[in-house]
Amino acid sequence: MYYYGQGVEINYKKSFDLYEGLCERGVYNMCPILSHFYTDGVGMKQNIKKGKEILEKLYYDKYPEGWANLAALYESDQYGMKDEKKLRSFILWLANTIQKARRATR
């Protein structure tokens, strides 16, 4: 609501506070958005390291949206974190995880 100015004036600080509170309470689908505030410096000083830490926590907690966003950090030069070795190892880990999940549902 505050991020896009839907019915209210755009307010990145309020938006950040809402996403941060939800992420801290375990509403994981809000955490990638919180990470975006940090990595892109939305309404604050850019802190790519903090944004990455949020995504890594999602990765270790096995939340898929965090995986995709973390992979994007390793794949792109946009944030200065391009790392093909980490990306390759991440993709292999993800493929194995998906394969195990499929086997478990049979």
N, C-alpha and C. Protein backbone atom coordinates (compact mmCIF):
# COMPACT_ATOMS: atom_id res chain seq x y z
N MET A 1 0.83 -1.18 0.00
CA MET A 1 0.00 0.00 0.00
C MET A 1 0.88 1.26 0.00
N TYR A 2 1.75 1.39 0.99
CA TYR A 2 2.61 2.57 1.06
C TYR A 2 3.69 2.56 -0.02
N TYR A 3 4.12 1.37 -0.41
CA TYR A 3 5.18 1.26 -1.42
C TYR A 3 4.71 1.81 -2.76
N TYR A 4 3.49 1.46 -3.13
CA TYR A 4 2.95 1.89 -4.43
C TYR A 4 2.05 3.12 -4.34
N GLY A 5 1.76 3.57 -3.13
CA GLY A 5 0.88 4.71 -2.97
C GLY A 5 -0.57 4.39 -3.30
N GLN A 6 -1.01 3.21 -2.95
CA GLN A 6 -2.39 2.80 -3.23
C GLN A 6 -3.32 3.34 -2.16
N GLY A 7 -3.99 4.43 -2.51
CA GLY A 7 -4.92 5.05 -1.58
C GLY A 7 -4.25 5.92 -0.53
N VAL A 8 -2.95 5.94 -0.52
CA VAL A 8 -2.18 6.76 0.42
C VAL A 8 -0.97 7.32 -0.32
N GLU A 9 -0.32 8.27 0.31
CA GLU A 9 0.90 8.81 -0.28
C GLU A 9 2.02 7.77 -0.18
N ILE A 10 2.87 7.70 -1.18
CA ILE A 10 4.01 6.79 -1.13
C ILE A 10 4.86 7.14 0.08
N ASN A 11 5.18 6.11 0.87
CA ASN A 11 6.00 6.31 2.06
C ASN A 11 6.86 5.06 2.24
N TYR A 12 8.08 5.13 1.76
CA TYR A 12 8.96 3.96 1.80
C TYR A 12 9.33 3.57 3.22
N LYS A 13 9.42 4.51 4.12
CA LYS A 13 9.77 4.20 5.51
C LYS A 13 8.67 3.35 6.15
N LYS A 14 7.42 3.78 6.00
CA LYS A 14 6.31 2.99 6.55
C LYS A 14 6.24 1.62 5.89
N SER A 15 6.43 1.60 4.59
CA SER A 15 6.41 0.35 3.85
C SER A 15 7.51 -0.58 4.35
N PHE A 16 8.71 -0.05 4.50
CA PHE A 16 9.83 -0.83 5.01
C PHE A 16 9.51 -1.40 6.38
N ASP A 17 8.99 -0.56 7.26
CA ASP A 17 8.67 -1.01 8.62
C ASP A 17 7.66 -2.16 8.62
N LEU A 18 6.67 -2.08 7.75
CA LEU A 18 5.67 -3.15 7.65
C LEU A 18 6.31 -4.45 7.16
N TYR A 19 7.09 -4.37 6.09
CA TYR A 19 7.73 -5.57 5.56
C TYR A 19 8.73 -6.16 6.55
N GLU A 20 9.45 -5.31 7.22
CA GLU A 20 10.42 -5.79 8.20
C GLU A 20 9.72 -6.53 9.34
N GLY A 21 8.64 -5.95 9.85
CA GLY A 21 7.90 -6.59 10.93
C GLY A 21 7.33 -7.94 10.51
N LEU A 22 6.77 -8.01 9.32
CA LEU A 22 6.21 -9.27 8.83
C LEU A 22 7.30 -10.32 8.61
N CYS A 23 8.39 -9.91 8.03
CA CYS A 23 9.51 -10.84 7.79
C CYS A 23 10.05 -11.38 9.11
N GLU A 24 10.21 -10.51 10.09
CA GLU A 24 10.71 -10.93 11.39
C GLU A 24 9.76 -11.89 12.10
N ARG A 25 8.46 -11.79 11.78
CA ARG A 25 7.45 -12.67 12.38
C ARG A 25 7.31 -13.99 11.61
N GLY A 26 8.14 -14.19 10.58
CA GLY A 26 8.11 -15.44 9.85
C GLY A 26 7.16 -15.47 8.66
N VAL A 27 6.68 -14.31 8.24
CA VAL A 27 5.86 -14.26 7.02
C VAL A 27 6.84 -14.16 5.86
N TYR A 28 7.34 -15.34 5.46
CA TYR A 28 8.48 -15.42 4.55
C TYR A 28 8.25 -14.77 3.19
N ASN A 29 7.03 -14.73 2.70
CA ASN A 29 6.82 -14.13 1.38
C ASN A 29 7.03 -12.62 1.38
N MET A 30 7.18 -12.02 2.55
CA MET A 30 7.47 -10.59 2.65
C MET A 30 8.98 -10.32 2.68
N CYS A 31 9.77 -11.33 2.98
CA CYS A 31 11.22 -11.14 3.14
C CYS A 31 11.95 -10.78 1.84
N PRO A 32 11.60 -11.37 0.69
CA PRO A 32 12.28 -10.94 -0.54
C PRO A 32 12.04 -9.46 -0.85
N ILE A 33 10.86 -8.97 -0.50
CA ILE A 33 10.57 -7.55 -0.72
C ILE A 33 11.42 -6.71 0.22
N LEU A 34 11.54 -7.15 1.46
CA LEU A 34 12.41 -6.45 2.42
C LEU A 34 13.84 -6.43 1.90
N SER A 35 14.30 -7.55 1.38
CA SER A 35 15.64 -7.62 0.80
C SER A 35 15.80 -6.59 -0.32
N HIS A 36 14.77 -6.44 -1.12
CA HIS A 36 14.78 -5.46 -2.23
C HIS A 36 15.03 -4.04 -1.72
N PHE A 37 14.44 -3.68 -0.58
CA PHE A 37 14.68 -2.35 -0.01
C PHE A 37 16.18 -2.14 0.21
N TYR A 38 16.83 -3.16 0.74
CA TYR A 38 18.27 -3.05 1.01
C TYR A 38 19.11 -3.10 -0.26
N THR A 39 18.87 -4.10 -1.11
CA THR A 39 19.74 -4.27 -2.28
C THR A 39 19.62 -3.12 -3.27
N ASP A 40 18.43 -2.54 -3.36
CA ASP A 40 18.23 -1.43 -4.30
C ASP A 40 18.23 -0.06 -3.64
N GLY A 41 18.36 -0.02 -2.32
CA GLY A 41 18.40 1.25 -1.62
C GLY A 41 17.09 2.01 -1.72
N VAL A 42 15.98 1.32 -1.59
CA VAL A 42 14.66 1.97 -1.69
C VAL A 42 14.39 2.74 -0.40
N GLY A 43 14.39 4.04 -0.48
CA GLY A 43 14.10 4.88 0.67
C GLY A 43 15.17 4.86 1.75
N MET A 44 16.32 4.32 1.43
CA MET A 44 17.41 4.22 2.41
C MET A 44 18.73 4.07 1.67
N LYS A 45 19.81 4.09 2.42
CA LYS A 45 21.11 3.85 1.81
C LYS A 45 21.19 2.37 1.41
N GLN A 46 21.70 2.12 0.22
CA GLN A 46 21.82 0.76 -0.29
C GLN A 46 22.74 -0.06 0.60
N ASN A 47 22.30 -1.28 0.93
CA ASN A 47 23.09 -2.19 1.74
C ASN A 47 22.91 -3.61 1.16
N ILE A 48 23.67 -3.89 0.13
CA ILE A 48 23.55 -5.15 -0.58
C ILE A 48 23.83 -6.33 0.35
N LYS A 49 24.79 -6.18 1.23
CA LYS A 49 25.15 -7.25 2.16
C LYS A 49 23.95 -7.64 3.03
N LYS A 50 23.23 -6.66 3.54
CA LYS A 50 22.07 -6.94 4.39
C LYS A 50 20.96 -7.61 3.58
N GLY A 51 20.74 -7.12 2.35
CA GLY A 51 19.74 -7.74 1.48
C GLY A 51 20.08 -9.19 1.20
N LYS A 52 21.35 -9.46 0.98
CA LYS A 52 21.80 -10.84 0.72
C LYS A 52 21.61 -11.71 1.96
N GLU A 53 21.89 -11.17 3.14
CA GLU A 53 21.71 -11.93 4.38
C GLU A 53 20.26 -12.38 4.56
N ILE A 54 19.33 -11.50 4.21
CA ILE A 54 17.91 -11.85 4.32
C ILE A 54 17.60 -13.02 3.39
N LEU A 55 18.10 -12.95 2.15
CA LEU A 55 17.85 -14.01 1.18
C LEU A 55 18.53 -15.32 1.60
N GLU A 56 19.72 -15.22 2.18
CA GLU A 56 20.41 -16.43 2.64
C GLU A 56 19.63 -17.12 3.75
N LYS A 57 19.03 -16.34 4.62
CA LYS A 57 18.21 -16.93 5.69
C LYS A 57 17.04 -17.69 5.07
N LEU A 58 16.42 -17.11 4.06
CA LEU A 58 15.32 -17.81 3.38
C LEU A 58 15.82 -19.09 2.72
N TYR A 59 17.00 -19.01 2.16
CA TYR A 59 17.62 -20.17 1.50
C TYR A 59 17.80 -21.31 2.52
N TYR A 60 18.35 -20.99 3.66
CA TYR A 60 18.60 -22.01 4.67
C TYR A 60 17.31 -22.49 5.33
N ASP A 61 16.29 -21.63 5.33
CA ASP A 61 14.98 -22.04 5.87
C ASP A 61 14.12 -22.73 4.81
N LYS A 62 14.71 -22.93 3.63
CA LYS A 62 14.06 -23.65 2.53
C LYS A 62 12.82 -22.94 1.97
N TYR A 63 12.89 -21.62 1.83
CA TYR A 63 11.78 -20.88 1.23
C TYR A 63 12.13 -20.56 -0.23
N PRO A 64 11.41 -21.13 -1.19
CA PRO A 64 11.77 -21.05 -2.61
C PRO A 64 11.94 -19.65 -3.18
N GLU A 65 11.14 -18.70 -2.77
CA GLU A 65 11.29 -17.37 -3.35
C GLU A 65 12.64 -16.76 -2.97
N GLY A 66 13.12 -17.09 -1.82
CA GLY A 66 14.45 -16.64 -1.42
C GLY A 66 15.53 -17.26 -2.29
N TRP A 67 15.33 -18.51 -2.68
CA TRP A 67 16.30 -19.20 -3.54
C TRP A 67 16.45 -18.46 -4.87
N ALA A 68 15.31 -18.14 -5.47
CA ALA A 68 15.33 -17.49 -6.79
C ALA A 68 16.02 -16.13 -6.72
N ASN A 69 15.72 -15.37 -5.69
CA ASN A 69 16.32 -14.05 -5.57
C ASN A 69 17.81 -14.12 -5.25
N LEU A 70 18.19 -15.10 -4.46
CA LEU A 70 19.61 -15.29 -4.15
C LEU A 70 20.37 -15.71 -5.40
N ALA A 71 19.78 -16.60 -6.17
CA ALA A 71 20.40 -17.02 -7.43
C ALA A 71 20.58 -15.82 -8.36
N ALA A 72 19.61 -14.93 -8.39
CA ALA A 72 19.70 -13.73 -9.24
C ALA A 72 20.87 -12.84 -8.82
N LEU A 73 21.14 -12.77 -7.52
CA LEU A 73 22.30 -11.98 -7.06
C LEU A 73 23.60 -12.58 -7.57
N TYR A 74 23.70 -13.92 -7.54
CA TYR A 74 24.92 -14.59 -7.99
C TYR A 74 25.06 -14.59 -9.50
N GLU A 75 23.93 -14.46 -10.19
CA GLU A 75 23.96 -14.53 -11.65
C GLU A 75 24.29 -13.20 -12.31
N SER A 76 23.94 -12.10 -11.67
CA SER A 76 24.04 -10.79 -12.30
C SER A 76 25.21 -9.97 -11.75
N ASP A 77 25.74 -9.12 -12.59
CA ASP A 77 26.78 -8.19 -12.15
C ASP A 77 26.19 -6.92 -11.55
N GLN A 78 24.88 -6.79 -11.58
CA GLN A 78 24.21 -5.57 -11.13
C GLN A 78 24.60 -5.18 -9.71
N TYR A 79 24.77 -6.16 -8.83
CA TYR A 79 25.07 -5.86 -7.44
C TYR A 79 26.51 -6.16 -7.07
N GLY A 80 27.32 -6.49 -8.06
CA GLY A 80 28.72 -6.78 -7.80
C GLY A 80 28.95 -8.08 -7.06
N MET A 81 28.01 -9.00 -7.17
CA MET A 81 28.12 -10.27 -6.45
C MET A 81 28.14 -11.46 -7.39
N LYS A 82 28.38 -11.24 -8.65
CA LYS A 82 28.37 -12.33 -9.61
C LYS A 82 29.39 -13.38 -9.18
N ASP A 83 28.92 -14.61 -9.09
CA ASP A 83 29.78 -15.70 -8.64
C ASP A 83 29.28 -16.98 -9.29
N GLU A 84 29.88 -17.33 -10.41
CA GLU A 84 29.41 -18.49 -11.18
C GLU A 84 29.59 -19.79 -10.41
N LYS A 85 30.61 -19.89 -9.60
CA LYS A 85 30.83 -21.10 -8.82
C LYS A 85 29.70 -21.29 -7.80
N LYS A 86 29.35 -20.22 -7.08
CA LYS A 86 28.24 -20.31 -6.11
C LYS A 86 26.93 -20.58 -6.83
N LEU A 87 26.73 -19.94 -7.97
CA LEU A 87 25.51 -20.13 -8.74
C LEU A 87 25.39 -21.59 -9.18
N ARG A 88 26.47 -22.15 -9.71
CA ARG A 88 26.46 -23.54 -10.16
C ARG A 88 26.16 -24.48 -9.00
N SER A 89 26.81 -24.27 -7.88
CA SER A 89 26.60 -25.13 -6.73
C SER A 89 25.17 -24.97 -6.20
N PHE A 90 24.66 -23.77 -6.24
CA PHE A 90 23.30 -23.49 -5.80
C PHE A 90 22.29 -24.22 -6.69
N ILE A 91 22.49 -24.16 -8.00
CA ILE A 91 21.57 -24.80 -8.95
C ILE A 91 21.59 -26.32 -8.76
N LEU A 92 22.78 -26.89 -8.54
CA LEU A 92 22.87 -28.33 -8.29
C LEU A 92 22.14 -28.71 -7.00
N TRP A 93 22.33 -27.90 -5.96
CA TRP A 93 21.65 -28.16 -4.70
C TRP A 93 20.14 -28.08 -4.90
N LEU A 94 19.68 -27.09 -5.62
CA LEU A 94 18.25 -26.91 -5.86
C LEU A 94 17.68 -28.08 -6.65
N ALA A 95 18.39 -28.51 -7.68
CA ALA A 95 17.93 -29.65 -8.49
C ALA A 95 17.82 -30.91 -7.62
N ASN A 96 18.79 -31.15 -6.76
CA ASN A 96 18.75 -32.30 -5.86
C ASN A 96 17.58 -32.20 -4.88
N THR A 97 17.34 -31.00 -4.37
CA THR A 97 16.25 -30.78 -3.43
C THR A 97 14.91 -31.06 -4.09
N ILE A 98 14.74 -30.58 -5.31
CA ILE A 98 13.49 -30.82 -6.04
C ILE A 98 13.31 -32.31 -6.31
N GLN A 99 14.39 -32.95 -6.71
CA GLN A 99 14.33 -34.39 -7.00
C GLN A 99 13.94 -35.18 -5.75
N LYS A 100 14.51 -34.84 -4.60
CA LYS A 100 14.16 -35.52 -3.35
C LYS A 100 12.70 -35.29 -2.99
N ALA A 101 12.23 -34.07 -3.18
CA ALA A 101 10.84 -33.75 -2.86
C ALA A 101 9.89 -34.55 -3.74
N ARG A 102 10.23 -34.69 -5.01
CA ARG A 102 9.39 -35.47 -5.92
C ARG A 102 9.35 -36.95 -5.51
N ARG A 103 10.50 -37.47 -5.13
CA ARG A 103 10.56 -38.87 -4.71
C ARG A 103 9.73 -39.09 -3.45
N ALA A 104 9.75 -38.12 -2.56
CA ALA A 104 9.03 -38.24 -1.29
C ALA A 104 7.51 -38.22 -1.49
N THR A 105 7.05 -37.61 -2.58
CA THR A 105 5.60 -37.54 -2.80
C THR A 105 5.06 -38.72 -3.60
N ARG A 106 5.92 -39.62 -4.02
CA ARG A 106 5.47 -40.80 -4.79
C ARG A 106 4.99 -41.90 -3.91
